Amino acid sequence: GFGIKNLRISSYLHRTEAKLQRSESMESTISLRPKGKGKGAKGASSSNEKSKLQLVKEWSNWSLKKAKVATQYGFIPLIIIVGMNSDPKPHLFQLLSPV
Protein backbone atom coordinates (compact mmCIF):
# COMPACT_ATOMS: atom_id res chain seq x y z
CA GLY A 1 0.00 0.00 0.00
CA PHE A 2 1.62 3.14 1.31
CA GLY A 3 5.17 1.78 1.29
CA ILE A 4 5.11 1.20 -2.47
CA LYS A 5 3.59 4.64 -3.06
CA ASN A 6 6.29 6.32 -0.93
CA LEU A 7 8.98 4.35 -2.73
CA ARG A 8 7.64 5.49 -6.11
CA ILE A 9 7.48 9.11 -4.98
CA SER A 10 11.01 9.06 -3.57
CA SER A 11 12.28 7.37 -6.75
CA TYR A 12 10.58 10.03 -8.87
CA LEU A 13 12.02 12.83 -6.73
CA HIS A 14 15.50 11.31 -6.98
CA ARG A 15 15.28 11.09 -10.79
CA THR A 16 13.96 14.65 -11.04
CA GLU A 17 16.75 15.95 -8.80
CA ALA A 18 19.37 14.15 -10.90
CA LYS A 19 17.93 15.65 -14.10
CA LEU A 20 17.96 19.10 -12.53
CA GLN A 21 21.59 18.76 -11.47
CA ARG A 22 22.57 17.63 -14.98
CA SER A 23 20.75 20.54 -16.61
CA GLU A 24 22.37 23.03 -14.20
CA SER A 25 25.82 21.66 -15.01
CA MET A 26 25.05 21.89 -18.73
CA GLU A 27 23.82 25.47 -18.38
CA SER A 28 27.10 26.51 -16.85
CA THR A 29 28.98 25.23 -19.90
CA ILE A 30 26.75 26.89 -22.49
CA SER A 31 28.24 30.02 -24.01
CA LEU A 32 26.19 32.70 -25.76
CA ARG A 33 29.26 33.97 -27.61
CA PRO A 34 29.73 32.63 -31.14
CA LYS A 35 32.81 30.50 -31.55
CA GLY A 36 35.40 31.69 -34.03
CA LYS A 37 37.07 29.31 -36.47
CA GLY A 38 40.44 30.99 -36.52
CA LYS A 39 42.99 31.30 -33.77
CA GLY A 40 42.71 34.67 -32.10
CA ALA A 41 44.87 36.40 -29.57
CA LYS A 42 43.76 35.44 -26.07
CA GLY A 43 44.56 38.42 -23.93
CA ALA A 44 42.91 41.40 -22.31
CA SER A 45 40.29 41.62 -25.05
CA SER A 46 39.03 38.14 -24.19
CA SER A 47 38.50 39.00 -20.52
CA ASN A 48 36.98 42.33 -21.56
CA GLU A 49 34.52 40.51 -23.83
CA LYS A 50 33.65 38.12 -21.01
CA SER A 51 32.97 40.96 -18.62
CA LYS A 52 30.83 42.76 -21.20
CA LEU A 53 28.92 39.56 -21.91
CA GLN A 54 28.41 38.96 -18.19
CA LEU A 55 27.23 42.55 -17.75
CA VAL A 56 24.70 42.18 -20.57
CA LYS A 57 23.44 38.89 -19.10
CA GLU A 58 23.02 40.40 -15.63
CA TRP A 59 21.33 43.54 -16.95
CA SER A 60 18.90 41.60 -19.13
CA ASN A 61 18.02 39.20 -16.30
CA TRP A 62 17.46 42.12 -13.93
CA SER A 63 15.30 44.05 -16.41
CA LEU A 64 13.20 40.99 -17.29
CA LYS A 65 12.56 40.28 -13.61
CA LYS A 66 11.47 43.88 -13.04
CA ALA A 67 9.23 43.80 -16.14
CA LYS A 68 7.61 40.58 -14.94
CA VAL A 69 6.81 42.09 -11.54
CA ALA A 70 5.48 45.29 -13.11
CA THR A 71 3.26 43.28 -15.45
CA GLN A 72 1.94 41.08 -12.66
CA TYR A 73 1.03 43.97 -10.36
CA GLY A 74 0.08 46.50 -13.01
CA PHE A 75 -2.17 44.58 -15.41
CA ILE A 76 -5.45 44.63 -13.46
CA PRO A 77 -5.11 48.29 -12.37
CA LEU A 78 -4.43 49.17 -16.02
CA ILE A 79 -7.63 47.40 -17.09
CA ILE A 80 -9.59 49.25 -14.38
CA ILE A 81 -8.16 52.63 -15.44
CA VAL A 82 -8.91 51.98 -19.10
CA GLY A 83 -12.44 50.87 -18.18
CA MET A 84 -13.03 53.97 -16.04
CA ASN A 85 -11.95 56.21 -18.92
CA SER A 86 -14.23 54.55 -21.48
CA ASP A 87 -17.15 56.41 -23.03
CA PRO A 88 -20.09 55.10 -20.97
CA LYS A 89 -18.59 55.86 -17.54
CA PRO A 90 -19.14 52.72 -15.45
CA HIS A 91 -18.95 52.69 -11.67
CA LEU A 92 -16.06 50.84 -10.06
CA PHE A 93 -18.46 48.13 -8.83
CA GLN A 94 -19.61 47.53 -12.41
CA LEU A 95 -16.01 47.06 -13.52
CA LEU A 96 -15.19 44.63 -10.73
CA SER A 97 -18.39 42.55 -10.92
CA PRO A 98 -18.15 39.44 -13.12
CA VAL A 99 -21.52 40.07 -14.80
PDB file of N, CA and C in Angstrom:
ATOM      1  N   GLY A   1       0.797  -1.187   0.000  1.00  0.00           N
ATOM      2  CA  GLY A   1       0.000   0.000   0.000  1.00  0.00           C
ATOM      3  C   GLY A   1       0.841   1.252   0.000  1.00  0.00           C
ATOM      4  N   PHE A   2       0.964   1.837   1.201  1.00  0.00           N
ATOM      5  CA  PHE A   2       1.619   3.143   1.306  1.00  0.00           C
ATOM      6  C   PHE A   2       3.125   3.066   1.107  1.00  0.00           C
ATOM      7  N   GLY A   3       3.728   1.933   1.449  1.00  0.00           N
ATOM      8  CA  GLY A   3       5.170   1.784   1.287  1.00  0.00           C
ATOM      9  C   GLY A   3       5.582   1.846  -0.169  1.00  0.00           C
ATOM     10  N   ILE A   4       4.814   1.195  -1.029  1.00  0.00           N
ATOM     11  CA  ILE A   4       5.114   1.204  -2.466  1.00  0.00           C
ATOM     12  C   ILE A   4       4.918   2.605  -3.031  1.00  0.00           C
ATOM     13  N   LYS A   5       3.862   3.286  -2.568  1.00  0.00           N
ATOM     14  CA  LYS A   5       3.595   4.642  -3.056  1.00  0.00           C
ATOM     15  C   LYS A   5       4.731   5.591  -2.652  1.00  0.00           C
ATOM     16  N   ASN A   6       5.183   5.484  -1.393  1.00  0.00           N
ATOM     17  CA  ASN A   6       6.287   6.321  -0.926  1.00  0.00           C
ATOM     18  C   ASN A   6       7.574   6.015  -1.681  1.00  0.00           C
ATOM     19  N   LEU A   7       7.798   4.738  -1.979  1.00  0.00           N
ATOM     20  CA  LEU A   7       8.984   4.353  -2.731  1.00  0.00           C
ATOM     21  C   LEU A   7       8.943   4.936  -4.133  1.00  0.00           C
ATOM     22  N   ARG A   8       7.778   4.908  -4.775  1.00  0.00           N
ATOM     23  CA  ARG A   8       7.641   5.485  -6.109  1.00  0.00           C
ATOM     24  C   ARG A   8       7.869   6.992  -6.083  1.00  0.00           C
ATOM     25  N   ILE A   9       7.309   7.661  -5.083  1.00  0.00           N
ATOM     26  CA  ILE A   9       7.475   9.114  -4.981  1.00  0.00           C
ATOM     27  C   ILE A   9       8.935   9.459  -4.750  1.00  0.00           C
ATOM     28  N   SER A  10       9.607   8.746  -3.838  1.00  0.00           N
ATOM     29  CA  SER A  10      11.010   9.058  -3.572  1.00  0.00           C
ATOM     30  C   SER A  10      11.883   8.757  -4.786  1.00  0.00           C
ATOM     31  N   SER A  11      11.541   7.691  -5.528  1.00  0.00           N
ATOM     32  CA  SER A  11      12.282   7.368  -6.746  1.00  0.00           C
ATOM     33  C   SER A  11      12.098   8.468  -7.791  1.00  0.00           C
ATOM     34  N   TYR A  12      10.863   8.947  -7.932  1.00  0.00           N
ATOM     35  CA  TYR A  12      10.583  10.026  -8.875  1.00  0.00           C
ATOM     36  C   TYR A  12      11.336  11.297  -8.480  1.00  0.00           C
ATOM     37  N   LEU A  13      11.317  11.636  -7.193  1.00  0.00           N
ATOM     38  CA  LEU A  13      12.025  12.832  -6.733  1.00  0.00           C
ATOM     39  C   LEU A  13      13.523  12.706  -6.976  1.00  0.00           C
ATOM     40  N   HIS A  14      14.068  11.520  -6.757  1.00  0.00           N
ATOM     41  CA  HIS A  14      15.504  11.312  -6.982  1.00  0.00           C
ATOM     42  C   HIS A  14      15.859  11.497  -8.458  1.00  0.00           C
ATOM     43  N   ARG A  15      15.026  10.935  -9.356  1.00  0.00           N
ATOM     44  CA  ARG A  15      15.283  11.087 -10.793  1.00  0.00           C
ATOM     45  C   ARG A  15      15.162  12.550 -11.214  1.00  0.00           C
ATOM     46  N   THR A  16      14.153  13.243 -10.692  1.00  0.00           N
ATOM     47  CA  THR A  16      13.962  14.650 -11.039  1.00  0.00           C
ATOM     48  C   THR A  16      15.135  15.488 -10.552  1.00  0.00           C
ATOM     49  N   GLU A  17      15.612  15.218  -9.351  1.00  0.00           N
ATOM     50  CA  GLU A  17      16.752  15.953  -8.804  1.00  0.00           C
ATOM     51  C   GLU A  17      18.008  15.707  -9.642  1.00  0.00           C
ATOM     52  N   ALA A  18      18.209  14.466 -10.072  1.00  0.00           N
ATOM     53  CA  ALA A  18      19.370  14.151 -10.904  1.00  0.00           C
ATOM     54  C   ALA A  18      19.292  14.881 -12.238  1.00  0.00           C
ATOM     55  N   LYS A  19      18.091  14.925 -12.844  1.00  0.00           N
ATOM     56  CA  LYS A  19      17.931  15.654 -14.103  1.00  0.00           C
ATOM     57  C   LYS A  19      18.221  17.129 -13.918  1.00  0.00           C
ATOM     58  N   LEU A  20      17.743  17.687 -12.808  1.00  0.00           N
ATOM     59  CA  LEU A  20      17.963  19.103 -12.534  1.00  0.00           C
ATOM     60  C   LEU A  20      19.442  19.405 -12.365  1.00  0.00           C
ATOM     61  N   GLN A  21      20.157  18.548 -11.657  1.00  0.00           N
ATOM     62  CA  GLN A  21      21.592  18.761 -11.474  1.00  0.00           C
ATOM     63  C   GLN A  21      22.329  18.678 -12.804  1.00  0.00           C
ATOM     64  N   ARG A  22      21.932  17.735 -13.671  1.00  0.00           N
ATOM     65  CA  ARG A  22      22.574  17.633 -14.981  1.00  0.00           C
ATOM     66  C   ARG A  22      22.302  18.867 -15.819  1.00  0.00           C
ATOM     67  N   SER A  23      21.065  19.374 -15.793  1.00  0.00           N
ATOM     68  CA  SER A  23      20.745  20.541 -16.606  1.00  0.00           C
ATOM     69  C   SER A  23      21.473  21.771 -16.090  1.00  0.00           C
ATOM     70  N   GLU A  24      21.624  21.897 -14.747  1.00  0.00           N
ATOM     71  CA  GLU A  24      22.370  23.029 -14.202  1.00  0.00           C
ATOM     72  C   GLU A  24      23.835  22.968 -14.607  1.00  0.00           C
ATOM     73  N   SER A  25      24.415  21.763 -14.627  1.00  0.00           N
ATOM     74  CA  SER A  25      25.820  21.662 -15.014  1.00  0.00           C
ATOM     75  C   SER A  25      25.978  21.949 -16.495  1.00  0.00           C
ATOM     76  N   MET A  26      24.979  21.594 -17.306  1.00  0.00           N
ATOM     77  CA  MET A  26      25.050  21.886 -18.732  1.00  0.00           C
ATOM     78  C   MET A  26      24.881  23.375 -18.990  1.00  0.00           C
ATOM     79  N   GLU A  27      24.016  24.040 -18.198  1.00  0.00           N
ATOM     80  CA  GLU A  27      23.816  25.473 -18.379  1.00  0.00           C
ATOM     81  C   GLU A  27      25.092  26.247 -18.114  1.00  0.00           C
ATOM     82  N   SER A  28      25.887  25.784 -17.159  1.00  0.00           N
ATOM     83  CA  SER A  28      27.104  26.512 -16.849  1.00  0.00           C
ATOM     84  C   SER A  28      28.136  26.391 -17.960  1.00  0.00           C
ATOM     85  N   THR A  29      28.011  25.383 -18.813  1.00  0.00           N
ATOM     86  CA  THR A  29      28.982  25.229 -19.896  1.00  0.00           C
ATOM     87  C   THR A  29      28.519  25.881 -21.185  1.00  0.00           C
ATOM     88  N   ILE A  30      27.262  26.271 -21.269  1.00  0.00           N
ATOM     89  CA  ILE A  30      26.752  26.885 -22.493  1.00  0.00           C
ATOM     90  C   ILE A  30      27.275  28.314 -22.599  1.00  0.00           C
ATOM     91  N   SER A  31      27.749  28.676 -23.765  1.00  0.00           N
ATOM     92  CA  SER A  31      28.243  30.022 -24.006  1.00  0.00           C
ATOM     93  C   SER A  31      27.375  30.701 -25.051  1.00  0.00           C
ATOM     94  N   LEU A  32      27.005  31.949 -24.814  1.00  0.00           N
ATOM     95  CA  LEU A  32      26.193  32.696 -25.765  1.00  0.00           C
ATOM     96  C   LEU A  32      27.040  33.346 -26.845  1.00  0.00           C
ATOM     97  N   ARG A  33      28.353  33.341 -26.661  1.00  0.00           N
ATOM     98  CA  ARG A  33      29.260  33.966 -27.610  1.00  0.00           C
ATOM     99  C   ARG A  33      29.521  33.017 -28.762  1.00  0.00           C
ATOM    100  N   PRO A  34      29.438  33.512 -30.010  1.00  0.00           N
ATOM    101  CA  PRO A  34      29.730  32.626 -31.141  1.00  0.00           C
ATOM    102  C   PRO A  34      31.195  32.220 -31.145  1.00  0.00           C
ATOM    103  N   LYS A  35      31.446  31.004 -31.526  1.00  0.00           N
ATOM    104  CA  LYS A  35      32.814  30.499 -31.549  1.00  0.00           C
ATOM    105  C   LYS A  35      33.467  30.831 -32.888  1.00  0.00           C
ATOM    106  N   GLY A  36      34.667  31.367 -32.821  1.00  0.00           N
ATOM    107  CA  GLY A  36      35.396  31.694 -34.034  1.00  0.00           C
ATOM    108  C   GLY A  36      36.140  30.486 -34.559  1.00  0.00           C
ATOM    109  N   LYS A  37      36.367  30.449 -35.878  1.00  0.00           N
ATOM    110  CA  LYS A  37      37.071  29.310 -36.467  1.00  0.00           C
ATOM    111  C   LYS A  37      38.577  29.495 -36.448  1.00  0.00           C
ATOM    112  N   GLY A  38      39.005  30.740 -36.491  1.00  0.00           N
ATOM    113  CA  GLY A  38      40.444  30.986 -36.525  1.00  0.00           C
ATOM    114  C   GLY A  38      41.020  31.112 -35.130  1.00  0.00           C
ATOM    115  N   LYS A  39      42.336  31.130 -35.058  1.00  0.00           N
ATOM    116  CA  LYS A  39      42.993  31.299 -33.767  1.00  0.00           C
ATOM    117  C   LYS A  39      43.174  32.784 -33.510  1.00  0.00           C
ATOM    118  N   GLY A  40      42.591  33.259 -32.444  1.00  0.00           N
ATOM    119  CA  GLY A  40      42.706  34.668 -32.098  1.00  0.00           C
ATOM    120  C   GLY A  40      43.639  34.850 -30.929  1.00  0.00           C
ATOM    121  N   ALA A  41      44.011  36.094 -30.706  1.00  0.00           N
ATOM    122  CA  ALA A  41      44.873  36.401 -29.575  1.00  0.00           C
ATOM    123  C   ALA A  41      44.047  36.350 -28.309  1.00  0.00           C
ATOM    124  N   LYS A  42      44.451  35.552 -27.354  1.00  0.00           N
ATOM    125  CA  LYS A  42      43.761  35.445 -26.072  1.00  0.00           C
ATOM    126  C   LYS A  42      44.484  36.345 -25.083  1.00  0.00           C
ATOM    127  N   GLY A  43      43.895  37.506 -24.841  1.00  0.00           N
ATOM    128  CA  GLY A  43      44.555  38.420 -23.931  1.00  0.00           C
ATOM    129  C   GLY A  43      43.530  39.230 -23.176  1.00  0.00           C
ATOM    130  N   ALA A  44      43.798  40.518 -23.055  1.00  0.00           N
ATOM    131  CA  ALA A  44      42.912  41.402 -22.306  1.00  0.00           C
ATOM    132  C   ALA A  44      41.569  41.548 -23.003  1.00  0.00           C
ATOM    133  N   SER A  45      41.549  41.466 -24.337  1.00  0.00           N
ATOM    134  CA  SER A  45      40.289  41.624 -25.051  1.00  0.00           C
ATOM    135  C   SER A  45      39.340  40.477 -24.735  1.00  0.00           C
ATOM    136  N   SER A  46      39.872  39.287 -24.506  1.00  0.00           N
ATOM    137  CA  SER A  46      39.029  38.137 -24.190  1.00  0.00           C
ATOM    138  C   SER A  46      38.346  38.325 -22.845  1.00  0.00           C
ATOM    139  N   SER A  47      39.092  38.771 -21.840  1.00  0.00           N
ATOM    140  CA  SER A  47      38.498  38.997 -20.524  1.00  0.00           C
ATOM    141  C   SER A  47      37.541  40.190 -20.567  1.00  0.00           C
ATOM    142  N   ASN A  48      37.860  41.173 -21.410  1.00  0.00           N
ATOM    143  CA  ASN A  48      36.980  42.326 -21.556  1.00  0.00           C
ATOM    144  C   ASN A  48      35.659  41.899 -22.185  1.00  0.00           C
ATOM    145  N   GLU A  49      35.723  41.014 -23.195  1.00  0.00           N
ATOM    146  CA  GLU A  49      34.515  40.509 -23.831  1.00  0.00           C
ATOM    147  C   GLU A  49      33.687  39.699 -22.844  1.00  0.00           C
ATOM    148  N   LYS A  50      34.361  38.915 -22.014  1.00  0.00           N
ATOM    149  CA  LYS A  50      33.648  38.124 -21.014  1.00  0.00           C
ATOM    150  C   LYS A  50      32.931  39.027 -20.026  1.00  0.00           C
ATOM    151  N   SER A  51      33.603  40.080 -19.584  1.00  0.00           N
ATOM    152  CA  SER A  51      32.968  40.961 -18.616  1.00  0.00           C
ATOM    153  C   SER A  51      31.806  41.712 -19.254  1.00  0.00           C
ATOM    154  N   LYS A  52      31.939  42.098 -20.518  1.00  0.00           N
ATOM    155  CA  LYS A  52      30.825  42.755 -21.201  1.00  0.00           C
ATOM    156  C   LYS A  52      29.660  41.803 -21.363  1.00  0.00           C
ATOM    157  N   LEU A  53      29.958  40.559 -21.746  1.00  0.00           N
ATOM    158  CA  LEU A  53      28.917  39.557 -21.915  1.00  0.00           C
ATOM    159  C   LEU A  53      28.223  39.288 -20.581  1.00  0.00           C
ATOM    160  N   GLN A  54      28.988  39.180 -19.522  1.00  0.00           N
ATOM    161  CA  GLN A  54      28.408  38.960 -18.192  1.00  0.00           C
ATOM    162  C   GLN A  54      27.557  40.144 -17.781  1.00  0.00           C
ATOM    163  N   LEU A  55      27.992  41.352 -18.087  1.00  0.00           N
ATOM    164  CA  LEU A  55      27.230  42.553 -17.754  1.00  0.00           C
ATOM    165  C   LEU A  55      25.908  42.581 -18.513  1.00  0.00           C
ATOM    166  N   VAL A  56      25.930  42.214 -19.775  1.00  0.00           N
ATOM    167  CA  VAL A  56      24.702  42.183 -20.574  1.00  0.00           C
ATOM    168  C   VAL A  56      23.750  41.120 -20.030  1.00  0.00           C
ATOM    169  N   LYS A  57      24.276  39.954 -19.666  1.00  0.00           N
ATOM    170  CA  LYS A  57      23.436  38.894 -19.097  1.00  0.00           C
ATOM    171  C   LYS A  57      22.777  39.356 -17.805  1.00  0.00           C
ATOM    172  N   GLU A  58      23.565  39.952 -16.914  1.00  0.00           N
ATOM    173  CA  GLU A  58      23.021  40.400 -15.633  1.00  0.00           C
ATOM    174  C   GLU A  58      21.984  41.493 -15.828  1.00  0.00           C
ATOM    175  N   TRP A  59      22.263  42.442 -16.709  1.00  0.00           N
ATOM    176  CA  TRP A  59      21.334  43.538 -16.949  1.00  0.00           C
ATOM    177  C   TRP A  59      20.035  43.029 -17.550  1.00  0.00           C
ATOM    178  N   SER A  60      20.123  42.112 -18.505  1.00  0.00           N
ATOM    179  CA  SER A  60      18.903  41.598 -19.133  1.00  0.00           C
ATOM    180  C   SER A  60      18.089  40.780 -18.141  1.00  0.00           C
ATOM    181  N   ASN A  61      18.745  39.961 -17.318  1.00  0.00           N
ATOM    182  CA  ASN A  61      18.016  39.204 -16.298  1.00  0.00           C
ATOM    183  C   ASN A  61      17.324  40.143 -15.318  1.00  0.00           C
ATOM    184  N   TRP A  62      18.036  41.170 -14.872  1.00  0.00           N
ATOM    185  CA  TRP A  62      17.461  42.124 -13.933  1.00  0.00           C
ATOM    186  C   TRP A  62      16.261  42.842 -14.542  1.00  0.00           C
ATOM    187  N   SER A  63      16.392  43.304 -15.787  1.00  0.00           N
ATOM    188  CA  SER A  63      15.305  44.054 -16.409  1.00  0.00           C
ATOM    189  C   SER A  63      14.099  43.156 -16.686  1.00  0.00           C
ATOM    190  N   LEU A  64      14.326  41.901 -17.069  1.00  0.00           N
ATOM    191  CA  LEU A  64      13.204  40.993 -17.293  1.00  0.00           C
ATOM    192  C   LEU A  64      12.474  40.663 -15.992  1.00  0.00           C
ATOM    193  N   LYS A  65      13.214  40.515 -14.904  1.00  0.00           N
ATOM    194  CA  LYS A  65      12.564  40.275 -13.614  1.00  0.00           C
ATOM    195  C   LYS A  65      11.714  41.469 -13.204  1.00  0.00           C
ATOM    196  N   LYS A  66      12.234  42.676 -13.393  1.00  0.00           N
ATOM    197  CA  LYS A  66      11.471  43.880 -13.042  1.00  0.00           C
ATOM    198  C   LYS A  66      10.247  44.027 -13.937  1.00  0.00           C
ATOM    199  N   ALA A  67      10.374  43.714 -15.223  1.00  0.00           N
ATOM    200  CA  ALA A  67       9.235  43.804 -16.143  1.00  0.00           C
ATOM    201  C   ALA A  67       8.163  42.787 -15.775  1.00  0.00           C
ATOM    202  N   LYS A  68       8.566  41.610 -15.345  1.00  0.00           N
ATOM    203  CA  LYS A  68       7.611  40.584 -14.938  1.00  0.00           C
ATOM    204  C   LYS A  68       6.817  41.053 -13.722  1.00  0.00           C
ATOM    205  N   VAL A  69       7.492  41.607 -12.741  1.00  0.00           N
ATOM    206  CA  VAL A  69       6.807  42.089 -11.540  1.00  0.00           C
ATOM    207  C   VAL A  69       5.870  43.246 -11.892  1.00  0.00           C
ATOM    208  N   ALA A  70       6.328  44.158 -12.719  1.00  0.00           N
ATOM    209  CA  ALA A  70       5.484  45.293 -13.107  1.00  0.00           C
ATOM    210  C   ALA A  70       4.247  44.822 -13.863  1.00  0.00           C
ATOM    211  N   THR A  71       4.402  43.819 -14.708  1.00  0.00           N
ATOM    212  CA  THR A  71       3.258  43.282 -15.453  1.00  0.00           C
ATOM    213  C   THR A  71       2.287  42.585 -14.516  1.00  0.00           C
ATOM    214  N   GLN A  72       2.814  41.801 -13.572  1.00  0.00           N
ATOM    215  CA  GLN A  72       1.939  41.078 -12.658  1.00  0.00           C
ATOM    216  C   GLN A  72       1.114  42.020 -11.793  1.00  0.00           C
ATOM    217  N   TYR A  73       1.739  43.071 -11.261  1.00  0.00           N
ATOM    218  CA  TYR A  73       1.026  43.970 -10.364  1.00  0.00           C
ATOM    219  C   TYR A  73       0.326  45.114 -11.083  1.00  0.00           C
ATOM    220  N   GLY A  74       0.650  45.362 -12.325  1.00  0.00           N
ATOM    221  CA  GLY A  74       0.077  46.503 -13.012  1.00  0.00           C
ATOM    222  C   GLY A  74      -1.004  46.186 -14.017  1.00  0.00           C
ATOM    223  N   PHE A  75      -1.230  44.914 -14.336  1.00  0.00           N
ATOM    224  CA  PHE A  75      -2.174  44.584 -15.408  1.00  0.00           C
ATOM    225  C   PHE A  75      -3.624  44.888 -15.016  1.00  0.00           C
ATOM    226  N   ILE A  76      -4.060  44.411 -13.872  1.00  0.00           N
ATOM    227  CA  ILE A  76      -5.452  44.629 -13.464  1.00  0.00           C
ATOM    228  C   ILE A  76      -5.728  46.107 -13.195  1.00  0.00           C
ATOM    229  N   PRO A  77      -4.851  46.847 -12.502  1.00  0.00           N
ATOM    230  CA  PRO A  77      -5.109  48.287 -12.367  1.00  0.00           C
ATOM    231  C   PRO A  77      -5.171  49.008 -13.721  1.00  0.00           C
ATOM    232  N   LEU A  78      -4.379  48.568 -14.683  1.00  0.00           N
ATOM    233  CA  LEU A  78      -4.431  49.166 -16.018  1.00  0.00           C
ATOM    234  C   LEU A  78      -5.796  48.933 -16.658  1.00  0.00           C
ATOM    235  N   ILE A  79      -6.316  47.723 -16.535  1.00  0.00           N
ATOM    236  CA  ILE A  79      -7.634  47.403 -17.087  1.00  0.00           C
ATOM    237  C   ILE A  79      -8.708  48.258 -16.416  1.00  0.00           C
ATOM    238  N   ILE A  80      -8.611  48.428 -15.106  1.00  0.00           N
ATOM    239  CA  ILE A  80      -9.594  49.250 -14.384  1.00  0.00           C
ATOM    240  C   ILE A  80      -9.517  50.701 -14.846  1.00  0.00           C
ATOM    241  N   ILE A  81      -8.309  51.236 -15.006  1.00  0.00           N
ATOM    242  CA  ILE A  81      -8.157  52.626 -15.437  1.00  0.00           C
ATOM    243  C   ILE A  81      -8.702  52.809 -16.847  1.00  0.00           C
ATOM    244  N   VAL A  82      -8.400  51.879 -17.735  1.00  0.00           N
ATOM    245  CA  VAL A  82      -8.910  51.978 -19.103  1.00  0.00           C
ATOM    246  C   VAL A  82     -10.437  51.887 -19.099  1.00  0.00           C
ATOM    247  N   GLY A  83     -10.984  50.992 -18.273  1.00  0.00           N
ATOM    248  CA  GLY A  83     -12.437  50.865 -18.184  1.00  0.00           C
ATOM    249  C   GLY A  83     -13.096  52.112 -17.617  1.00  0.00           C
ATOM    250  N   MET A  84     -12.456  52.751 -16.641  1.00  0.00           N
ATOM    251  CA  MET A  84     -13.025  53.970 -16.041  1.00  0.00           C
ATOM    252  C   MET A  84     -12.999  55.134 -17.027  1.00  0.00           C
ATOM    253  N   ASN A  85     -12.060  55.119 -17.953  1.00  0.00           N
ATOM    254  CA  ASN A  85     -11.949  56.212 -18.916  1.00  0.00           C
ATOM    255  C   ASN A  85     -12.698  55.928 -20.212  1.00  0.00           C
ATOM    256  N   SER A  86     -13.475  54.853 -20.259  1.00  0.00           N
ATOM    257  CA  SER A  86     -14.226  54.551 -21.475  1.00  0.00           C
ATOM    258  C   SER A  86     -15.434  55.480 -21.589  1.00  0.00           C
ATOM    259  N   ASP A  87     -16.074  55.457 -22.735  1.00  0.00           N
ATOM    260  CA  ASP A  87     -17.148  56.414 -23.031  1.00  0.00           C
ATOM    261  C   ASP A  87     -18.360  56.286 -22.110  1.00  0.00           C
ATOM    262  N   PRO A  88     -19.047  55.149 -22.004  1.00  0.00           N
ATOM    263  CA  PRO A  88     -20.089  55.100 -20.968  1.00  0.00           C
ATOM    264  C   PRO A  88     -19.400  54.884 -19.625  1.00  0.00           C
ATOM    265  N   LYS A  89     -19.349  55.910 -18.796  1.00  0.00           N
ATOM    266  CA  LYS A  89     -18.587  55.857 -17.539  1.00  0.00           C
ATOM    267  C   LYS A  89     -19.214  54.864 -16.557  1.00  0.00           C
ATOM    268  N   PRO A  90     -18.599  53.681 -16.415  1.00  0.00           N
ATOM    269  CA  PRO A  90     -19.145  52.724 -15.447  1.00  0.00           C
ATOM    270  C   PRO A  90     -18.658  53.054 -14.036  1.00  0.00           C
ATOM    271  N   HIS A  91     -19.403  52.571 -13.046  1.00  0.00           N
ATOM    272  CA  HIS A  91     -18.952  52.690 -11.665  1.00  0.00           C
ATOM    273  C   HIS A  91     -17.908  51.609 -11.414  1.00  0.00           C
ATOM    274  N   LEU A  92     -17.109  51.808 -10.380  1.00  0.00           N
ATOM    275  CA  LEU A  92     -16.056  50.838 -10.058  1.00  0.00           C
ATOM    276  C   LEU A  92     -16.642  49.456  -9.784  1.00  0.00           C
ATOM    277  N   PHE A  93     -17.812  49.415  -9.108  1.00  0.00           N
ATOM    278  CA  PHE A  93     -18.463  48.134  -8.832  1.00  0.00           C
ATOM    279  C   PHE A  93     -18.832  47.418 -10.129  1.00  0.00           C
ATOM    280  N   GLN A  94     -19.257  48.147 -11.119  1.00  0.00           N
ATOM    281  CA  GLN A  94     -19.613  47.535 -12.407  1.00  0.00           C
ATOM    282  C   GLN A  94     -18.379  46.954 -13.102  1.00  0.00           C
ATOM    283  N   LEU A  95     -17.240  47.593 -12.929  1.00  0.00           N
ATOM    284  CA  LEU A  95     -16.006  47.057 -13.518  1.00  0.00           C
ATOM    285  C   LEU A  95     -15.534  45.793 -12.815  1.00  0.00           C
ATOM    286  N   LEU A  96     -15.706  45.758 -11.499  1.00  0.00           N
ATOM    287  CA  LEU A  96     -15.189  44.633 -10.728  1.00  0.00           C
ATOM    288  C   LEU A  96     -16.150  43.448 -10.682  1.00  0.00           C
ATOM    289  N   SER A  97     -17.429  43.667 -10.970  1.00  0.00           N
ATOM    290  CA  SER A  97     -18.387  42.554 -10.919  1.00  0.00           C
ATOM    291  C   SER A  97     -18.204  41.671 -12.157  1.00  0.00           C
ATOM    292  N   PRO A  98     -18.371  40.356 -11.989  1.00  0.00           N
ATOM    293  CA  PRO A  98     -18.153  39.436 -13.119  1.00  0.00           C
ATOM    294  C   PRO A  98     -19.271  39.443 -14.155  1.00  0.00           C
ATOM    295  N   VAL A  99     -20.378  40.091 -13.870  1.00  0.00           N
ATOM    296  CA  VAL A  99     -21.521  40.067 -14.796  1.00  0.00           C
ATOM    297  C   VAL A  99     -21.385  41.120 -15.867  1.00  0.00           C
TER     298      VAL A  99
END
